[in-house]
Amino acid sequence: MVAGSMKHLVEVEPAKEAAGGAPSAGPTYRCAAADNGASPPALPGLDSCWDIFRLSVEKYPDNNMLGRREIVDGKAGSYTWLTYKQVYDTVLKVGAAIRSCGVAKGGRCGIYGANSPEWVISMQACNALGIYCVPLYDTLGAGAVEFVLCHAEVQIAFVEEKKIGEMVKTFPNATKYLKTIVSFGKVDLGHKEKVEQNGLSIYSWEEFLQLGGEEKFELPPKEKDGICTIMYTSGTTGDPKGVLISNKSIVTIVSAIYEFLSNSNEQLHEDDVYISYLPLAHIFDRVLEEVFIHHGASIGFWRGDVKLLVEDIGELKPTIFCAVPRVLGRIYGGLQDKITAGGFLKKTLFNVAYKYKLGNMLKGSKHEEAAAVFDKLVFTKVKWGLGGRVRLIISGGAPLSRHVEEYLRVVTCSHVLQAYGLTETCGSFISLPNNMSMLGTVGPPLPHVEVRLESVPEMGYDAVSSETPRGEICIKGDTLFLGYYKREDLTNEVLVDGWFHTGDIGEWQFDGSMKIIDRKKNIFKLSQGEYVAVENIENIFGQTPGVDSIWVYGNSFESSLVTVVNPNKQALEHWAQTNGVTGDFATICEDPKVKEFILRELTKTGKENKRMFLLGWLPRRRWLKAPALRRKGLPFLRRVSLRPLRWPTGLRLLMFLVLVLLNLRSQVGLMPCARFIPWSEIVFVRSFAAWTLTRSFACNMSTIALVITWLPP
């Protein structure tokens, strides 16, 4: 990496050599747009999460804030809205009722349910009173809910009506601290009886609004360094960790995003509309909604059913769409299926339009100027599939595949940005609009966040490499969490000298953007000595149709892996109906035929992806040896002989010409896997030079990857 070439970064500290048992670390960088400042920008009066909402109420009192579709005679109507002022008045009523229940500043309030206006109103009431908001994923079962309620010492809980049954299952353990339950809707008489038998009070939403009366009260002061929420991480193993997030963290990230967008000539507006369907219990959506509230935008909620999401989007017509890569991957897959089924003419027209627009975008044209005619003729249907008004798509929660990002940038007629952050950091990176060089990356750091890479010698990553620095991403700044609740030991493991160690392996790109390439300690060894990169396996098999999620586990005492598959309920029930399998969802999952079906689908996915698995996970080094392959978790490559194979010159020339012809065909859209292999990543000159100079075919791993890619299944 050439010093000073990373135009979007400013170096604030030099690299550090390894010393005292600590690994070497690369230079510390900040975003160049941050004006070298480590403090958040001075947005007047913005010191707490409550201020974000309060100031927007003062500035946009009559703007629509929270909307939902009312159900009339079993049918969903148009969105009905509460203005910022109406929400503010309701928040004060809820706050008064919370005070009447004896919960004061520093108390704990749980929120358990799907996104809704009541969810946000309850959260804002916590912010108003200085109460710690403890969100719970609506997918959690009674066991996990009980752990969070007890660990966080929750005193009052706002609960979606259909989740009250799960709350009752946490009794009597949760009642040590929990004294009041508030339903987002009505209260079933059976649930009311069980709750009161355990000494708790339970209210419907309307009853609770009347509980505080009309008495005016003074809101307590909120400290910038004070805790605003305890957000529990959803790990795959062990108990969830309670992440202490301060007002400063949220305010800083909101300010940083504001400054980032301003410097990118892309700004949110009060007439923007956002659809809220990602869980508010996750930091990604929580931060996004705080940002939209700060700008006076409107937030419309889905009905909580994934089968109805597209219909809700069509009715709401959002201007901003945020998603996790799994959702965007499904959109990509659905579009591909429609294009394939559209016939030769439509497919050809689409391919021509796609190649033309992509080519112009790669040359520097903005997406709206790259192919205006094709946008109207070809891509407009895709845009209308997201409501017709989306201008900004933000991906977060996990890395988005490069080919999916490229595809969506072209066909959605929108900016597609990747964001990166953890619960512990709120947010750290985001890619730039209309910047194709950042494809496959999460962009540069946000303003006022400091970032450096630390070497991971055991995995072969060098953060001080002059060619391509790679290492564990470490973050410092005011967006960081305060620690893990009641787990100082875990806090000390990840926070060292003010640096938070993310566990993610990153690679600086030439322009100062960050590419996530690996996960620290995600490789383990089986009993026969085979190394396994479990996260990559999960990513590949997670693409299986009909599978919502997958978890892979193994250890050094066993010779094989164990996989837990979470099937998609709708898809599996449809398959069962057409294949003579009866019963409820749990019964269907236990049927041997279903298990065989899922296994066949997983095997099919594995076979389809085995070629790309090799190409996608080769370390980006010119020459590789067997130890390096083992470090990267590619055990099957150990069976590939690395001894030079003598190829006649004529045969080498013939192979080279074949590869060139294949690539030329891919450039006009005739090869099915062309979208995975951009021209920039197929370096024929280097490969051919290696063949000619070394007379070795097998030792040049980039060439092996290329050839295997084109082998038939």
Foldseek 3Di string as FASTA:
>chain_A
DDPPLQAQKDFDAAWAPDDDNFHTWGTKIFGPLQVPDQAFDCDDPQQFLLSLLVVLCVVFVAFFAEWEFDADPNDTDFIDTDGSVRLVVLLVLLLLLVVVVVAAAAAEEEEADFDHSVSVSPLSNCRQRNYAYEYDYNPDALVLVLVSLQLRLHAEYEYEAVCLVRVLVSPPSSVVRYAEYEYQAAHDPVSQVSQVVSRHHYYYSVRSSPNSPPDDDDGDDFGSQGFSYFQWDDDPDDRTWTFTFGRLLLSRVLSLVQSVCVVQVHHDALAFEEEDGPGCSFLVVVSVSSNNSSRNHYYYYDPNDPVCVLVNQQSRLGQEYEDAQVVLVVLVVVVVVCLVVVDDVSVLLVLVQLLQLLVQLVVQDALCPRCVPCCVVPQQVVLVSRNRNHAEYEYEDDFHALLSQSVCSNRNSHFYKYWYDHPQQSGFFMAHGSDNVQRQFRHATGHSKMKMFGADVLLPAAQHDPPKHKHFIKIAGSNGTPATRPCVVVRCVQQDPRIGGPQWMWIQDSNRTIHTQAGHPQWAAAQVGAIANQVLLQVQLCPQPQFPGKHWDGHHDHHDIDMDTDGDQVVQVVVCVVVVHDDHSVSSVPDPVSVVVSVVSSVVSCVVCVLVSLVRQDPPDQFDDPVSCRSSRNRVCVPPDQPFDADDPVVLVVVLVVLVVVLVCLSSPPDPCSSNADPVLQDSVSQSVCCVPVVGNRRGSSNVSSVSNPDDD
